[in-house]
Amino acid sequence: MYGINTLHIQIFLVFLYLKYFNNKINFSIMETLIIESEGAVLEQIKAYLKELKVNFKTKKKKELTVNKELVKLIQEAHEQKERGELITVDPMNIWESIR
């Protein structure tokens, strides 16, 4: 005889649910709106969304901070290159390029 496993039962239950309760299912497609703003404009947008009773989430964006010492080292390297004090190494021929 044929065995009934849990997958068959689950498929059957989904079929019954869709057949008898399909008229009560509401499908909606949600969209994501990304707004990048700050200060007073951002507060006005939030207030407007609250007034419309729209659910929203906020996420702070991390700013990239650069170490001032690193910037100084890079600038020094550019100046050395311009003065001819910096050499360029060919990775395919290292020993010849450093002589």
C-alpha atoms as a PDB file:
ATOM      1  CA  MET A   1       0.000   0.000   0.000  1.00  0.00           C
ATOM      2  CA  TYR A   2       0.926   3.615  -0.297  1.00  0.00           C
ATOM      3  CA  GLY A   3       2.417   5.266   2.748  1.00  0.00           C
ATOM      4  CA  ILE A   4       1.437   8.750   3.827  1.00  0.00           C
ATOM      5  CA  ASN A   5       4.312  10.799   5.100  1.00  0.00           C
ATOM      6  CA  THR A   6       4.354  14.258   6.660  1.00  0.00           C
ATOM      7  CA  LEU A   7       5.120  15.937   3.323  1.00  0.00           C
ATOM      8  CA  HIS A   8       1.920  14.537   1.799  1.00  0.00           C
ATOM      9  CA  ILE A   9      -0.079  15.752   4.784  1.00  0.00           C
ATOM     10  CA  GLN A  10       1.479  19.228   4.607  1.00  0.00           C
ATOM     11  CA  ILE A  11       0.770  19.514   0.881  1.00  0.00           C
ATOM     12  CA  PHE A  12      -2.820  18.358   1.444  1.00  0.00           C
ATOM     13  CA  LEU A  13      -3.350  20.909   4.230  1.00  0.00           C
ATOM     14  CA  VAL A  14      -1.968  23.724   2.076  1.00  0.00           C
ATOM     15  CA  PHE A  15      -4.287  22.630  -0.753  1.00  0.00           C
ATOM     16  CA  LEU A  16      -7.304  22.675   1.584  1.00  0.00           C
ATOM     17  CA  TYR A  17      -6.329  26.042   3.002  1.00  0.00           C
ATOM     18  CA  LEU A  18      -5.955  27.606  -0.434  1.00  0.00           C
ATOM     19  CA  LYS A  19      -9.163  26.027  -1.726  1.00  0.00           C
ATOM     20  CA  TYR A  20     -11.442  27.042   1.133  1.00  0.00           C
ATOM     21  CA  PHE A  21      -9.820  30.195   2.482  1.00  0.00           C
ATOM     22  CA  ASN A  22      -8.434  31.712  -0.719  1.00  0.00           C
ATOM     23  CA  ASN A  23     -11.012  34.501  -0.736  1.00  0.00           C
ATOM     24  CA  LYS A  24      -9.739  35.655   2.664  1.00  0.00           C
ATOM     25  CA  ILE A  25      -6.060  35.894   1.669  1.00  0.00           C
ATOM     26  CA  ASN A  26      -4.806  39.369   0.831  1.00  0.00           C
ATOM     27  CA  PHE A  27      -1.485  39.591  -0.926  1.00  0.00           C
ATOM     28  CA  SER A  28       0.405  42.856  -0.949  1.00  0.00           C
ATOM     29  CA  ILE A  29       3.763  43.816  -2.284  1.00  0.00           C
ATOM     30  CA  MET A  30       5.864  46.055  -0.102  1.00  0.00           C
ATOM     31  CA  GLU A  31       8.502  48.426  -1.372  1.00  0.00           C
ATOM     32  CA  THR A  32      11.537  49.812   0.364  1.00  0.00           C
ATOM     33  CA  LEU A  33      12.090  53.537   0.158  1.00  0.00           C
ATOM     34  CA  ILE A  34      15.599  54.717   1.010  1.00  0.00           C
ATOM     35  CA  ILE A  35      15.870  58.367   1.995  1.00  0.00           C
ATOM     36  CA  GLU A  36      19.278  59.798   2.796  1.00  0.00           C
ATOM     37  CA  SER A  37      18.869  63.034   4.662  1.00  0.00           C
ATOM     38  CA  GLU A  38      19.832  64.681   7.916  1.00  0.00           C
ATOM     39  CA  GLY A  39      18.878  67.471  10.257  1.00  0.00           C
ATOM     40  CA  ALA A  40      15.588  69.314  10.030  1.00  0.00           C
ATOM     41  CA  VAL A  41      14.587  67.749   6.708  1.00  0.00           C
ATOM     42  CA  LEU A  42      14.912  64.248   8.171  1.00  0.00           C
ATOM     43  CA  GLU A  43      12.835  65.215  11.206  1.00  0.00           C
ATOM     44  CA  GLN A  44      10.103  66.627   8.941  1.00  0.00           C
ATOM     45  CA  ILE A  45      10.042  63.419   6.890  1.00  0.00           C
ATOM     46  CA  LYS A  46       9.760  61.316  10.063  1.00  0.00           C
ATOM     47  CA  ALA A  47       6.936  63.499  11.371  1.00  0.00           C
ATOM     48  CA  TYR A  48       5.100  63.217   8.054  1.00  0.00           C
ATOM     49  CA  LEU A  49       5.434  59.421   8.009  1.00  0.00           C
ATOM     50  CA  LYS A  50       4.156  59.229  11.599  1.00  0.00           C
ATOM     51  CA  GLU A  51       1.204  61.415  10.633  1.00  0.00           C
ATOM     52  CA  LEU A  52       0.394  59.006   7.792  1.00  0.00           C
ATOM     53  CA  LYS A  53       0.751  56.080  10.239  1.00  0.00           C
ATOM     54  CA  VAL A  54       3.477  54.508   8.104  1.00  0.00           C
ATOM     55  CA  ASN A  55       5.794  52.049   9.809  1.00  0.00           C
ATOM     56  CA  PHE A  56       9.434  52.910   9.241  1.00  0.00           C
ATOM     57  CA  LYS A  57      12.870  52.050  10.566  1.00  0.00           C
ATOM     58  CA  THR A  58      15.900  54.264  10.842  1.00  0.00           C
ATOM     59  CA  LYS A  59      19.479  53.166  10.463  1.00  0.00           C
ATOM     60  CA  LYS A  60      22.471  55.357  11.134  1.00  0.00           C
ATOM     61  CA  LYS A  61      25.101  55.463   8.429  1.00  0.00           C
ATOM     62  CA  LYS A  62      28.679  55.121   9.583  1.00  0.00           C
ATOM     63  CA  GLU A  63      31.064  57.705   8.245  1.00  0.00           C
ATOM     64  CA  LEU A  64      34.540  56.718   7.187  1.00  0.00           C
ATOM     65  CA  THR A  65      37.154  58.464   9.266  1.00  0.00           C
ATOM     66  CA  VAL A  66      40.719  58.622   8.051  1.00  0.00           C
ATOM     67  CA  ASN A  67      43.666  58.756  10.394  1.00  0.00           C
ATOM     68  CA  LYS A  68      45.429  62.116   9.984  1.00  0.00           C
ATOM     69  CA  GLU A  69      48.825  60.451  10.309  1.00  0.00           C
ATOM     70  CA  LEU A  70      47.988  58.128   7.405  1.00  0.00           C
ATOM     71  CA  VAL A  71      46.990  61.095   5.232  1.00  0.00           C
ATOM     72  CA  LYS A  72      50.274  62.812   6.124  1.00  0.00           C
ATOM     73  CA  LEU A  73      52.302  59.692   5.189  1.00  0.00           C
ATOM     74  CA  ILE A  74      50.531  59.417   1.840  1.00  0.00           C
ATOM     75  CA  GLN A  75      51.136  63.089   1.075  1.00  0.00           C
ATOM     76  CA  GLU A  76      54.828  62.679   1.950  1.00  0.00           C
ATOM     77  CA  ALA A  77      55.054  59.665  -0.368  1.00  0.00           C
ATOM     78  CA  HIS A  78      53.539  61.702  -3.228  1.00  0.00           C
ATOM     79  CA  GLU A  79      56.048  64.489  -2.625  1.00  0.00           C
ATOM     80  CA  GLN A  80      58.935  61.988  -2.573  1.00  0.00           C
ATOM     81  CA  LYS A  81      57.694  60.512  -5.855  1.00  0.00           C
ATOM     82  CA  GLU A  82      57.604  63.980  -7.443  1.00  0.00           C
ATOM     83  CA  ARG A  83      61.174  64.672  -6.258  1.00  0.00           C
ATOM     84  CA  GLY A  84      62.328  61.306  -7.642  1.00  0.00           C
ATOM     85  CA  GLU A  85      63.214  59.910  -4.211  1.00  0.00           C
ATOM     86  CA  LEU A  86      60.700  57.072  -4.461  1.00  0.00           C
ATOM     87  CA  ILE A  87      61.330  54.057  -6.692  1.00  0.00           C
ATOM     88  CA  THR A  88      58.771  51.948  -8.473  1.00  0.00           C
ATOM     89  CA  VAL A  89      59.185  48.183  -8.127  1.00  0.00           C
ATOM     90  CA  ASP A  90      58.195  45.889 -10.982  1.00  0.00           C
ATOM     91  CA  PRO A  91      56.565  42.825  -9.359  1.00  0.00           C
ATOM     92  CA  MET A  92      57.533  40.672 -12.337  1.00  0.00           C
ATOM     93  CA  ASN A  93      61.206  41.642 -12.079  1.00  0.00           C
ATOM     94  CA  ILE A  94      61.822  42.678  -8.469  1.00  0.00           C
ATOM     95  CA  TRP A  95      65.622  42.322  -8.298  1.00  0.00           C
ATOM     96  CA  GLU A  96      66.281  44.284 -11.460  1.00  0.00           C
ATOM     97  CA  SER A  97      63.941  47.120 -10.472  1.00  0.00           C
ATOM     98  CA  ILE A  98      65.564  47.753  -7.045  1.00  0.00           C
ATOM     99  CA  ARG A  99      69.167  47.996  -8.277  1.00  0.00           C
END
